[in-house]
Amino acid sequence: MAEGGGERLSERIVVNGAAAESALEVDGTLRWRSGGGDQCLRLESEVLGLDVQGTRITVRALAEAPRSGSICAFGGASGERRRVRRDYSLEMPTEAAALRWSARLMNCIDSLGRPKKLFVILNPFAGKKSARTIFEDQIKPILESGNINYTVVETKYQNHAQEMTKSLDLPKYDGIVCVSGDGVLVEVVNGLLKREDWATAIKIPLGIIPAGTGNGMAKSLLDSAGDMYSIANATFAVIRGHKRALDVATISQKEKIFFSVLALIWGLAADVDIESEKYRWLGSARLDIYALLRIMNLRKYHGHFQFIPAPGYENHGEPVKRVDGAKSNYVLTQQEQGSDSKFKTCGYQGPENSLDGLEWRSVDGPFISIWVNNVPFSAENYAPAPKAKFSDGYLDVVILKDCPKSAILGMMFNMSDGSYVKSPYIIYLKVKALRLEPGKRVGHDTKGGIIDCDGEVLAIGDAAADSNVQKHFMAYGPLLVTVDQGLATIFTPVP
């Protein structure tokens, strides 16, 4: 709640051309009564900024659209909040009154701790390649109405955002905002964690404004607050400056480390996400269309999945037996873990909490799909992990081993709200850590699958099908995933 100081102000003024008895509360709420009844405008949750010219104060707002009853009766128990860009003209009786009211409003805004300068990374190749237009037409006007100073830089190639973030002068900014799908956000996190000052760098607030195909993080954040999924709401969430902690997963193999904030997938979901890239011009519809094609020609993969269960999930899978005096056979070999001491001095190496002594359990393949999630949504209409939390220190895993094609098709229609996880064919887990050993496709000794992390290919197990297989970040082999609770910080709307 804003604290502007002083007493409640009241005045008979003209609001949008109509005379009204008006009051400005101590918390910054503007109330007025005119022929349309009682109305109000909440500074903290609706006001962007203001202009003062003589006796006129223009309040720029993203006002919540009324659902029923009084215009001040926003935020009902059902439905999502929808906001509309509006200006409110307050004509004061004297310039002295205008100065008094505008000073109170500005004091309230300044007390909110909103960001003042942002570094905006825009991906012009995201989604339908419309990020520039989205920024100019929808995002820029809101930022400027909120008196936000910003620097915009466009990415020119893959991992450009990571490179920029690694060398960015962070103290100059109050946050980094990604205008893209989820890929740029992931690059930014990886860039921050590869800096020498990673421990402080990763605490800079991150923002995500959807302009890509998936947009899972933006949808997850807005949905958690009951906000409608929209570019305006996502932009306003950044301007308001509220923050929440965000878990970061560390994926390691030999000397290579990749940091994830969204999802790691293998099997059906990965095949659909990556192989449908050729239909990117269809937007998010490409996922639905290609999923149908893949289900009709369903693949299964050999493999092994081992995990440390969260409390309440200890009965899933089978216990991992101790082997040759080792604490458990989940441990990666020395070759898998890597031993490059120079690498280990650069940047963040993953959570320090030891996994020794914890019970590991296993599920063996063949698998249709394994989906490891950090947040509830992977796209606007896909909620693969409805129980996922932003900073609970666990990853939510969805395993599909064997299932009729008709049942998989049925699950697709229940993905938007996550109710598909009630299917008897689904194994749903929360885990503290996991080890995935991907295998070849059933019936094809030379063809493996795709390991997809946050929309990017980490590894492909079929060299014949992918000429760039040597260019991928990791080998198609065992990898270890751990999670660091609340490591990053992200701008978030509030309920």
Protein backbone atom coordinates (compact mmCIF):
# COMPACT_ATOMS: atom_id res chain seq x y z
CA MET A 1 0.00 0.00 0.00
CA ALA A 2 1.32 3.45 -0.93
CA GLU A 3 2.21 5.84 1.86
CA GLY A 4 2.11 9.41 0.64
CA GLY A 5 2.14 11.07 4.05
CA GLY A 6 -0.10 13.84 5.32
CA GLU A 7 -3.84 13.94 5.72
CA ARG A 8 -6.69 13.03 3.46
CA LEU A 9 -7.30 15.70 0.78
CA SER A 10 -10.78 16.62 -0.38
CA GLU A 11 -11.91 19.10 -3.01
CA ARG A 12 -14.73 19.84 -5.39
CA ILE A 13 -13.07 19.43 -8.80
CA VAL A 14 -13.91 18.53 -12.37
CA VAL A 15 -13.12 14.91 -13.31
CA ASN A 16 -13.18 14.17 -17.05
CA GLY A 17 -15.39 17.17 -17.65
CA ALA A 18 -17.92 16.52 -14.87
CA ALA A 19 -18.04 18.32 -11.52
CA ALA A 20 -17.41 15.91 -8.66
CA GLU A 21 -16.84 15.77 -4.92
CA SER A 22 -13.39 14.19 -4.78
CA ALA A 23 -10.96 12.90 -2.20
CA LEU A 24 -7.37 11.72 -2.25
CA GLU A 25 -6.79 9.19 0.52
CA VAL A 26 -3.52 8.90 2.43
CA ASP A 27 -2.79 5.62 0.61
CA GLY A 28 -3.13 7.30 -2.79
CA THR A 29 -6.63 6.08 -3.67
CA LEU A 30 -8.54 8.70 -5.64
CA ARG A 31 -12.30 8.73 -5.04
CA TRP A 32 -14.99 10.88 -6.61
CA ARG A 33 -18.77 11.07 -6.80
CA SER A 34 -20.55 12.33 -9.88
CA GLY A 35 -23.70 11.53 -11.84
CA GLY A 36 -22.32 8.03 -12.58
CA GLY A 37 -22.11 7.12 -8.90
CA ASP A 38 -19.10 6.42 -6.69
CA GLN A 39 -15.87 5.80 -8.55
CA CYS A 40 -12.27 5.24 -7.55
CA LEU A 41 -8.79 4.81 -8.92
CA ARG A 42 -6.16 2.94 -6.92
CA LEU A 43 -2.70 4.39 -7.31
CA GLU A 44 -0.73 1.26 -6.47
CA SER A 45 -2.61 -1.15 -8.71
CA GLU A 46 -3.90 1.09 -11.51
CA VAL A 47 -1.93 4.34 -11.90
CA LEU A 48 1.05 4.57 -14.26
CA GLY A 49 2.05 8.22 -13.86
CA LEU A 50 0.82 11.79 -14.16
CA ASP A 51 1.33 15.18 -15.87
CA VAL A 52 0.64 18.61 -14.38
CA GLN A 53 -0.13 21.68 -16.45
CA GLY A 54 -1.46 24.68 -14.59
CA THR A 55 -4.61 23.64 -12.78
CA ARG A 56 -4.96 20.34 -14.67
CA ILE A 57 -3.58 17.01 -13.49
CA THR A 58 -3.68 14.18 -16.02
CA VAL A 59 -3.48 10.78 -14.35
CA ARG A 60 -2.34 8.01 -16.71
CA ALA A 61 -3.69 4.61 -15.72
CA LEU A 62 -4.22 1.00 -16.62
CA ALA A 63 -7.56 0.85 -14.89
CA GLU A 64 -9.22 -2.42 -13.99
CA ALA A 65 -12.34 -2.92 -16.08
CA PRO A 66 -15.44 -3.23 -13.84
CA ARG A 67 -17.12 -6.64 -13.55
CA SER A 68 -20.34 -5.65 -11.85
CA GLY A 69 -21.92 -3.02 -9.63
CA SER A 70 -19.91 0.02 -8.62
CA ILE A 71 -16.98 1.01 -10.81
CA CYS A 72 -14.90 0.75 -7.64
CA ALA A 73 -15.89 -2.91 -7.11
CA PHE A 74 -13.00 -4.57 -8.89
CA GLY A 75 -11.33 -7.89 -8.26
CA GLY A 76 -14.24 -10.28 -7.81
CA ALA A 77 -13.84 -13.86 -6.72
CA SER A 78 -14.10 -15.26 -10.23
CA GLY A 79 -12.59 -14.36 -13.59
CA GLU A 80 -9.34 -12.63 -14.46
CA ARG A 81 -8.47 -8.99 -14.06
CA ARG A 82 -8.62 -7.04 -17.30
CA ARG A 83 -7.09 -3.58 -17.53
CA VAL A 84 -7.83 -0.76 -19.96
CA ARG A 85 -5.50 2.14 -20.75
CA ARG A 86 -7.20 5.40 -19.72
CA ASP A 87 -6.36 9.01 -18.88
CA TYR A 88 -8.21 10.86 -16.11
CA SER A 89 -8.34 14.65 -16.27
CA LEU A 90 -8.54 16.36 -12.87
CA GLU A 91 -9.27 20.06 -13.19
CA MET A 92 -8.44 21.74 -9.86
CA PRO A 93 -9.93 25.04 -8.67
CA THR A 94 -6.50 26.68 -8.24
CA GLU A 95 -2.86 26.05 -9.14
CA ALA A 96 -2.10 25.76 -5.43
CA ALA A 97 -4.59 22.90 -5.15
CA ALA A 98 -3.08 21.26 -8.24
CA LEU A 99 0.39 21.45 -6.71
CA ARG A 100 -0.88 20.06 -3.41
CA TRP A 101 -2.65 17.10 -5.04
CA SER A 102 0.10 16.33 -7.55
CA ALA A 103 2.74 16.42 -4.80
CA ARG A 104 0.72 13.92 -2.78
CA LEU A 105 0.29 11.65 -5.82
CA MET A 106 4.01 11.77 -6.68
CA ASN A 107 4.99 11.06 -3.07
CA CYS A 108 2.75 8.01 -3.14
CA ILE A 109 4.26 6.78 -6.42
CA ASP A 110 7.82 7.36 -5.19
CA SER A 111 7.08 5.37 -2.02
CA LEU A 112 6.17 2.26 -4.03
CA GLY A 113 9.76 1.40 -4.97
CA ARG A 114 8.98 1.08 -8.66
CA PRO A 115 11.89 0.63 -11.11
CA LYS A 116 13.13 3.82 -12.74
CA LYS A 117 15.53 2.53 -15.40
CA LEU A 118 15.28 -0.79 -17.25
CA PHE A 119 17.46 -2.66 -19.71
CA VAL A 120 15.13 -4.14 -22.32
CA ILE A 121 16.25 -7.06 -24.50
CA LEU A 122 14.03 -7.54 -27.53
CA ASN A 123 14.16 -10.66 -29.71
CA PRO A 124 12.98 -9.69 -33.22
CA PHE A 125 12.95 -13.35 -34.27
CA ALA A 126 10.58 -14.54 -31.54
CA GLY A 127 7.21 -16.08 -32.38
CA LYS A 128 5.81 -14.58 -35.57
CA LYS A 129 8.70 -12.06 -35.65
CA SER A 130 6.42 -9.30 -34.39
CA ALA A 131 8.30 -8.28 -31.23
CA ARG A 132 9.32 -4.90 -32.66
CA THR A 133 5.73 -4.04 -33.51
CA ILE A 134 4.52 -5.27 -30.12
CA PHE A 135 7.08 -3.10 -28.37
CA GLU A 136 6.34 0.05 -30.36
CA ASP A 137 2.55 -0.26 -30.33
CA GLN A 138 1.83 -1.78 -26.92
CA ILE A 139 4.81 -1.81 -24.54
CA LYS A 140 6.55 1.49 -25.22
CA PRO A 141 3.46 3.67 -24.60
CA ILE A 142 2.88 2.00 -21.21
CA LEU A 143 6.52 2.34 -20.14
CA GLU A 144 6.56 6.00 -21.10
CA SER A 145 3.24 6.62 -19.37
CA GLY A 146 4.86 5.17 -16.25
CA ASN A 147 7.83 7.56 -16.55
CA ILE A 148 10.19 4.60 -17.00
CA ASN A 149 13.60 5.26 -18.54
CA TYR A 150 14.78 2.34 -20.62
CA THR A 151 17.46 1.15 -23.01
CA VAL A 152 16.35 -1.25 -25.76
CA VAL A 153 18.76 -3.64 -27.45
CA GLU A 154 17.76 -6.23 -30.04
CA THR A 155 19.30 -9.69 -30.17
CA LYS A 156 21.03 -10.54 -33.44
CA TYR A 157 21.78 -14.24 -32.96
CA GLN A 158 21.34 -17.14 -30.56
CA ASN A 159 22.96 -16.54 -27.15
CA HIS A 160 23.37 -12.82 -27.88
CA ALA A 161 21.29 -12.01 -24.81
CA GLN A 162 23.59 -14.20 -22.71
CA GLU A 163 26.65 -12.39 -24.03
CA MET A 164 25.14 -8.97 -23.33
CA THR A 165 24.15 -9.94 -19.80
CA LYS A 166 27.58 -11.29 -18.95
CA SER A 167 29.14 -7.86 -19.55
CA LEU A 168 26.24 -5.55 -18.65
CA ASP A 169 26.88 -2.74 -16.16
CA LEU A 170 24.15 -3.94 -13.80
CA PRO A 171 24.22 -1.07 -11.23
CA LYS A 172 22.93 1.28 -13.95
CA TYR A 173 19.60 -0.55 -14.08
CA ASP A 174 16.76 -1.54 -11.77
CA GLY A 175 15.91 -4.61 -13.82
CA ILE A 176 16.33 -6.53 -17.07
CA VAL A 177 13.19 -7.03 -19.15
CA CYS A 178 12.87 -9.63 -21.91
CA VAL A 179 10.47 -8.91 -24.80
CA SER A 180 10.41 -12.36 -26.32
CA GLY A 181 9.35 -15.91 -25.64
CA ASP A 182 10.99 -17.75 -22.77
CA GLY A 183 14.30 -18.25 -24.59
CA VAL A 184 15.76 -14.80 -23.95
CA LEU A 185 14.91 -15.02 -20.23
CA VAL A 186 16.82 -18.30 -20.05
CA GLU A 187 19.80 -16.73 -21.84
CA VAL A 188 19.78 -13.83 -19.38
CA VAL A 189 19.79 -16.19 -16.38
CA ASN A 190 22.68 -18.16 -17.88
CA GLY A 191 24.58 -14.95 -18.56
CA LEU A 192 24.13 -13.67 -15.02
CA LEU A 193 25.24 -16.96 -13.49
CA LYS A 194 28.38 -17.11 -15.63
CA ARG A 195 29.64 -13.77 -14.33
CA GLU A 196 32.34 -13.56 -11.68
CA ASP A 197 29.91 -11.54 -9.54
CA TRP A 198 27.08 -14.04 -10.14
CA ALA A 199 25.97 -14.07 -6.49
CA THR A 200 24.90 -10.42 -6.65
CA ALA A 201 24.15 -10.34 -10.38
CA ILE A 202 21.45 -13.02 -10.19
CA LYS A 203 19.50 -10.88 -7.72
CA ILE A 204 18.72 -8.16 -10.27
CA PRO A 205 14.97 -8.34 -10.95
CA LEU A 206 14.03 -9.92 -14.28
CA GLY A 207 10.91 -9.17 -16.27
CA ILE A 208 9.19 -11.07 -19.06
CA ILE A 209 6.74 -9.54 -21.55
CA PRO A 210 5.36 -12.17 -23.95
CA ALA A 211 6.23 -11.84 -27.63
CA GLY A 212 7.10 -15.42 -28.55
CA THR A 213 5.44 -18.76 -29.20
CA GLY A 214 5.37 -20.39 -25.78
CA ASN A 215 5.48 -17.60 -23.19
CA GLY A 216 5.14 -20.06 -20.31
CA MET A 217 6.78 -17.88 -17.67
CA ALA A 218 4.61 -14.84 -18.45
CA LYS A 219 1.46 -16.97 -18.37
CA SER A 220 2.49 -18.63 -15.10
CA LEU A 221 3.14 -15.28 -13.40
CA LEU A 222 -0.07 -13.63 -14.57
CA ASP A 223 -2.19 -16.68 -13.82
CA SER A 224 -0.81 -16.89 -10.28
CA ALA A 225 -2.18 -13.41 -9.60
CA GLY A 226 -5.53 -13.86 -11.33
CA ASP A 227 -4.51 -11.44 -14.09
CA MET A 228 -5.61 -11.87 -17.68
CA TYR A 229 -2.76 -13.02 -19.92
CA SER A 230 -1.93 -9.90 -21.92
CA ILE A 231 1.01 -7.77 -22.95
CA ALA A 232 -0.43 -4.79 -21.05
CA ASN A 233 -0.76 -6.75 -17.78
CA ALA A 234 2.76 -8.19 -18.14
CA THR A 235 4.20 -4.74 -18.77
CA PHE A 236 2.36 -3.24 -15.80
CA ALA A 237 3.66 -6.06 -13.58
CA VAL A 238 7.19 -4.84 -14.38
CA ILE A 239 6.30 -1.18 -13.77
CA ARG A 240 4.67 -1.91 -10.40
CA GLY A 241 7.96 -3.45 -9.28
CA HIS A 242 6.70 -6.29 -7.10
CA LYS A 243 9.16 -9.18 -6.97
CA ARG A 244 9.22 -12.84 -6.10
CA ALA A 245 11.95 -15.45 -5.78
CA LEU A 246 12.38 -17.99 -8.57
CA ASP A 247 13.99 -21.43 -8.40
CA VAL A 248 16.82 -22.14 -10.84
CA ALA A 249 17.66 -25.66 -11.97
CA THR A 250 21.24 -26.66 -12.76
CA ILE A 251 21.70 -29.24 -15.52
CA SER A 252 25.19 -30.72 -15.54
CA GLN A 253 27.06 -33.18 -17.73
CA LYS A 254 30.83 -33.56 -17.66
CA GLU A 255 32.25 -30.01 -17.55
CA LYS A 256 29.13 -28.46 -19.06
CA ILE A 257 26.44 -26.68 -17.08
CA PHE A 258 23.17 -25.15 -18.25
CA PHE A 259 20.73 -23.22 -16.06
CA SER A 260 16.99 -23.62 -16.50
CA VAL A 261 13.97 -21.70 -15.20
CA LEU A 262 11.14 -23.27 -17.19
CA ALA A 263 11.30 -26.93 -18.22
CA LEU A 264 13.42 -29.86 -19.35
CA ILE A 265 11.62 -32.28 -21.67
CA TRP A 266 12.41 -35.51 -23.46
CA GLY A 267 10.26 -37.73 -25.61
CA LEU A 268 6.91 -36.71 -27.10
CA ALA A 269 6.79 -33.16 -25.72
CA ALA A 270 10.35 -32.41 -26.86
CA ASP A 271 9.75 -33.88 -30.30
CA VAL A 272 6.68 -31.67 -30.71
CA ASP A 273 8.39 -28.51 -29.44
CA ILE A 274 11.54 -28.79 -31.56
CA GLU A 275 10.39 -30.62 -34.69
CA SER A 276 7.46 -28.20 -35.12
CA GLU A 277 9.87 -25.28 -35.53
CA LYS A 278 9.35 -25.57 -39.29
CA TYR A 279 5.77 -24.41 -38.69
CA ARG A 280 6.72 -21.38 -36.55
CA TRP A 281 4.72 -19.12 -38.88
CA LEU A 282 1.58 -20.70 -37.39
CA GLY A 283 2.37 -19.24 -33.97
CA SER A 284 1.36 -21.30 -30.94
CA ALA A 285 -1.03 -23.35 -33.12
CA ARG A 286 2.01 -25.19 -34.48
CA LEU A 287 2.27 -27.11 -31.21
CA ASP A 288 -1.29 -28.46 -31.40
CA ILE A 289 -1.03 -29.39 -35.07
CA TYR A 290 2.30 -31.16 -34.78
CA ALA A 291 1.26 -32.90 -31.55
CA LEU A 292 -1.54 -34.61 -33.49
CA LEU A 293 0.93 -35.79 -36.12
CA ARG A 294 3.34 -37.14 -33.52
CA ILE A 295 0.62 -38.92 -31.53
CA MET A 296 -0.60 -40.68 -34.65
CA ASN A 297 2.97 -41.91 -35.17
CA LEU A 298 3.82 -42.42 -31.52
CA ARG A 299 7.40 -43.02 -30.44
CA LYS A 300 8.74 -44.60 -27.26
CA TYR A 301 12.26 -44.35 -25.87
CA HIS A 302 14.35 -46.65 -23.71
CA GLY A 303 15.91 -44.96 -20.69
CA HIS A 304 16.28 -44.66 -16.93
CA PHE A 305 14.99 -41.95 -14.60
CA GLN A 306 16.23 -41.59 -11.02
CA PHE A 307 15.11 -38.98 -8.50
CA ILE A 308 15.13 -37.77 -4.91
CA PRO A 309 11.44 -37.45 -4.01
CA ALA A 310 9.92 -34.49 -2.21
CA PRO A 311 8.00 -35.29 0.98
CA GLY A 312 4.80 -37.10 0.08
CA TYR A 313 6.19 -38.66 -3.09
CA GLU A 314 8.37 -41.36 -1.54
CA ASN A 315 6.16 -44.22 -2.72
CA HIS A 316 6.69 -43.60 -6.42
CA GLY A 317 9.23 -45.68 -8.31
CA GLU A 318 11.58 -48.28 -6.90
CA PRO A 319 14.43 -47.80 -4.41
CA VAL A 320 17.86 -47.44 -5.98
CA LYS A 321 20.14 -50.19 -4.72
CA ARG A 322 23.58 -49.45 -3.32
CA VAL A 323 26.34 -50.53 -5.67
CA ASP A 324 30.00 -51.41 -4.95
CA GLY A 325 30.19 -49.50 -1.72
CA ALA A 326 28.89 -46.29 -3.28
CA LYS A 327 26.07 -44.55 -1.47
CA SER A 328 23.83 -45.13 -4.46
CA ASN A 329 24.15 -45.81 -8.15
CA TYR A 330 22.70 -42.44 -9.08
CA VAL A 331 26.17 -40.91 -8.74
CA LEU A 332 27.60 -39.72 -12.04
CA THR A 333 30.94 -41.21 -12.97
CA GLN A 334 34.03 -39.00 -12.75
CA GLN A 335 33.94 -38.70 -16.53
CA GLU A 336 30.30 -37.61 -16.46
CA GLN A 337 30.89 -35.07 -13.71
CA GLY A 338 33.99 -33.56 -15.29
CA SER A 339 37.14 -32.42 -13.57
CA ASP A 340 38.18 -29.22 -15.33
CA SER A 341 39.37 -27.09 -12.41
CA LYS A 342 39.59 -23.94 -14.57
CA PHE A 343 35.94 -24.30 -15.48
CA LYS A 344 34.95 -24.68 -11.84
CA THR A 345 36.37 -21.24 -11.00
CA CYS A 346 34.09 -19.49 -13.50
CA GLY A 347 30.63 -18.48 -12.38
CA TYR A 348 28.00 -20.41 -10.48
CA GLN A 349 28.34 -24.17 -10.26
CA GLY A 350 24.97 -25.15 -8.85
CA PRO A 351 23.49 -25.52 -5.37
CA GLU A 352 25.90 -26.40 -2.59
CA ASN A 353 23.49 -28.64 -0.71
CA SER A 354 24.79 -32.20 -0.69
CA LEU A 355 22.72 -35.04 -2.07
CA ASP A 356 24.65 -37.63 -0.07
CA GLY A 357 22.58 -39.77 2.23
CA LEU A 358 19.27 -38.95 0.55
CA GLU A 359 17.08 -41.74 -0.79
CA TRP A 360 17.04 -42.09 -4.56
CA ARG A 361 14.29 -43.91 -6.40
CA SER A 362 13.96 -44.96 -10.03
CA VAL A 363 11.50 -45.44 -12.87
CA ASP A 364 12.65 -47.44 -15.88
CA GLY A 365 11.47 -47.06 -19.47
CA PRO A 366 10.38 -47.32 -22.13
CA PHE A 367 8.95 -43.80 -21.92
CA ILE A 368 6.63 -41.83 -24.13
CA SER A 369 7.58 -38.59 -22.43
CA ILE A 370 9.30 -37.08 -19.39
CA TRP A 371 8.55 -33.44 -18.61
CA VAL A 372 10.46 -31.65 -15.80
CA ASN A 373 8.85 -28.34 -14.83
CA ASN A 374 9.78 -25.33 -12.72
CA VAL A 375 6.55 -23.32 -13.24
CA PRO A 376 2.94 -24.37 -13.99
CA PHE A 377 2.64 -23.28 -17.64
CA SER A 378 4.84 -24.03 -20.65
CA ALA A 379 2.70 -21.94 -23.00
CA GLU A 380 -0.44 -19.83 -22.87
CA ASN A 381 -2.71 -22.87 -23.26
CA TYR A 382 -0.53 -25.59 -21.71
CA ALA A 383 -0.29 -26.22 -17.96
CA PRO A 384 1.82 -29.39 -17.68
CA ALA A 385 2.59 -28.86 -13.99
CA PRO A 386 -0.44 -27.41 -12.18
CA LYS A 387 1.13 -28.02 -8.75
CA ALA A 388 4.42 -26.27 -9.54
CA LYS A 389 5.51 -23.35 -7.34
CA PHE A 390 7.97 -20.60 -8.20
CA SER A 391 10.28 -21.05 -5.23
CA ASP A 392 9.52 -24.25 -3.31
CA GLY A 393 12.90 -25.83 -4.01
CA TYR A 394 11.40 -28.71 -6.02
CA LEU A 395 10.85 -29.59 -9.66
CA ASP A 396 7.56 -31.07 -10.85
CA VAL A 397 7.96 -34.12 -13.08
CA VAL A 398 5.33 -35.61 -15.39
CA ILE A 399 6.08 -39.13 -16.67
CA LEU A 400 4.12 -40.91 -19.37
CA LYS A 401 5.24 -44.50 -19.88
CA ASP A 402 2.51 -46.36 -21.70
CA CYS A 403 -0.79 -45.04 -22.94
CA PRO A 404 -3.28 -45.60 -25.78
CA LYS A 405 -3.20 -42.94 -28.47
CA SER A 406 -6.84 -42.12 -27.81
CA ALA A 407 -6.06 -41.37 -24.16
CA ILE A 408 -3.18 -39.06 -25.14
CA LEU A 409 -5.50 -37.17 -27.47
CA GLY A 410 -7.94 -36.81 -24.61
CA MET A 411 -5.20 -35.41 -22.39
CA MET A 412 -4.49 -32.70 -24.94
CA PHE A 413 -7.93 -31.23 -24.36
CA ASN A 414 -7.23 -31.04 -20.62
CA MET A 415 -3.81 -29.41 -20.86
CA SER A 416 -5.02 -25.83 -20.53
CA ASP A 417 -5.99 -26.21 -16.85
CA GLY A 418 -3.64 -29.06 -15.95
CA SER A 419 -6.43 -31.52 -15.22
CA TYR A 420 -4.82 -34.03 -17.58
CA VAL A 421 -2.54 -35.07 -14.69
CA LYS A 422 -5.50 -36.92 -13.17
CA SER A 423 -5.15 -39.54 -15.90
CA PRO A 424 -4.21 -43.00 -14.56
CA TYR A 425 -1.45 -43.10 -17.18
CA ILE A 426 0.34 -40.10 -15.66
CA ILE A 427 3.01 -40.31 -12.95
CA TYR A 428 3.27 -36.90 -11.26
CA LEU A 429 6.20 -36.22 -8.94
CA LYS A 430 7.88 -33.45 -7.04
CA VAL A 431 11.63 -34.01 -6.79
CA LYS A 432 14.66 -32.39 -5.21
CA ALA A 433 17.06 -33.73 -7.83
CA LEU A 434 17.02 -36.13 -10.76
CA ARG A 435 19.24 -38.07 -13.09
CA LEU A 436 18.07 -38.77 -16.63
CA GLU A 437 19.73 -41.41 -18.78
CA PRO A 438 18.09 -41.14 -22.23
CA GLY A 439 18.13 -44.15 -24.54
CA LYS A 440 17.33 -45.02 -28.13
CA ARG A 441 13.91 -45.16 -29.70
CA VAL A 442 12.11 -48.46 -29.28
CA GLY A 443 12.57 -50.46 -32.47
CA HIS A 444 15.41 -48.24 -33.75
CA ASP A 445 18.85 -49.02 -32.34
CA THR A 446 20.46 -45.96 -33.95
CA LYS A 447 17.80 -43.30 -33.34
CA GLY A 448 17.60 -41.36 -30.13
CA GLY A 449 15.38 -38.52 -28.99
CA ILE A 450 15.69 -34.80 -28.27
CA ILE A 451 16.58 -33.26 -24.92
CA ASP A 452 14.91 -29.85 -24.91
CA CYS A 453 15.50 -27.31 -22.15
CA ASP A 454 13.48 -24.09 -22.06
CA GLY A 455 12.83 -24.31 -25.79
CA GLU A 456 16.46 -24.90 -26.77
CA VAL A 457 18.02 -28.18 -27.88
CA LEU A 458 20.57 -29.45 -25.36
CA ALA A 459 21.20 -32.75 -27.14
CA ILE A 460 19.95 -34.94 -29.98
CA GLY A 461 20.50 -38.70 -30.05
CA ASP A 462 20.04 -39.18 -33.79
CA ALA A 463 23.02 -37.90 -35.76
CA ALA A 464 21.51 -38.97 -39.09
CA ALA A 465 18.42 -36.83 -38.48
CA ASP A 466 20.30 -33.73 -37.32
CA SER A 467 23.37 -32.47 -39.17
CA ASN A 468 24.14 -30.06 -36.31
CA VAL A 469 24.30 -32.78 -33.66
CA GLN A 470 27.93 -31.96 -32.86
CA LYS A 471 27.01 -28.31 -32.29
CA HIS A 472 24.53 -29.00 -29.51
CA PHE A 473 25.56 -28.06 -26.01
CA MET A 474 25.50 -31.50 -24.42
CA ALA A 475 25.90 -35.10 -25.50
CA TYR A 476 22.91 -37.43 -25.65
CA GLY A 477 23.74 -39.17 -22.39
CA PRO A 478 23.25 -39.09 -18.61
CA LEU A 479 22.69 -35.71 -17.01
CA LEU A 480 22.09 -34.55 -13.46
CA VAL A 481 19.52 -31.90 -12.52
CA THR A 482 19.51 -30.12 -9.16
CA VAL A 483 17.54 -27.07 -8.01
CA ASP A 484 18.56 -23.98 -6.04
CA GLN A 485 15.58 -22.60 -4.16
CA GLY A 486 14.74 -18.95 -4.86
CA LEU A 487 18.09 -18.18 -6.49
CA ALA A 488 16.76 -15.65 -9.04
CA THR A 489 14.34 -12.72 -8.68
CA ILE A 490 11.52 -11.89 -11.10
CA PHE A 491 9.00 -9.08 -11.41
CA THR A 492 5.55 -10.41 -10.63
CA PRO A 493 1.97 -9.21 -10.49
CA VAL A 494 0.27 -9.50 -7.12
CA PRO A 495 -3.16 -11.00 -6.32
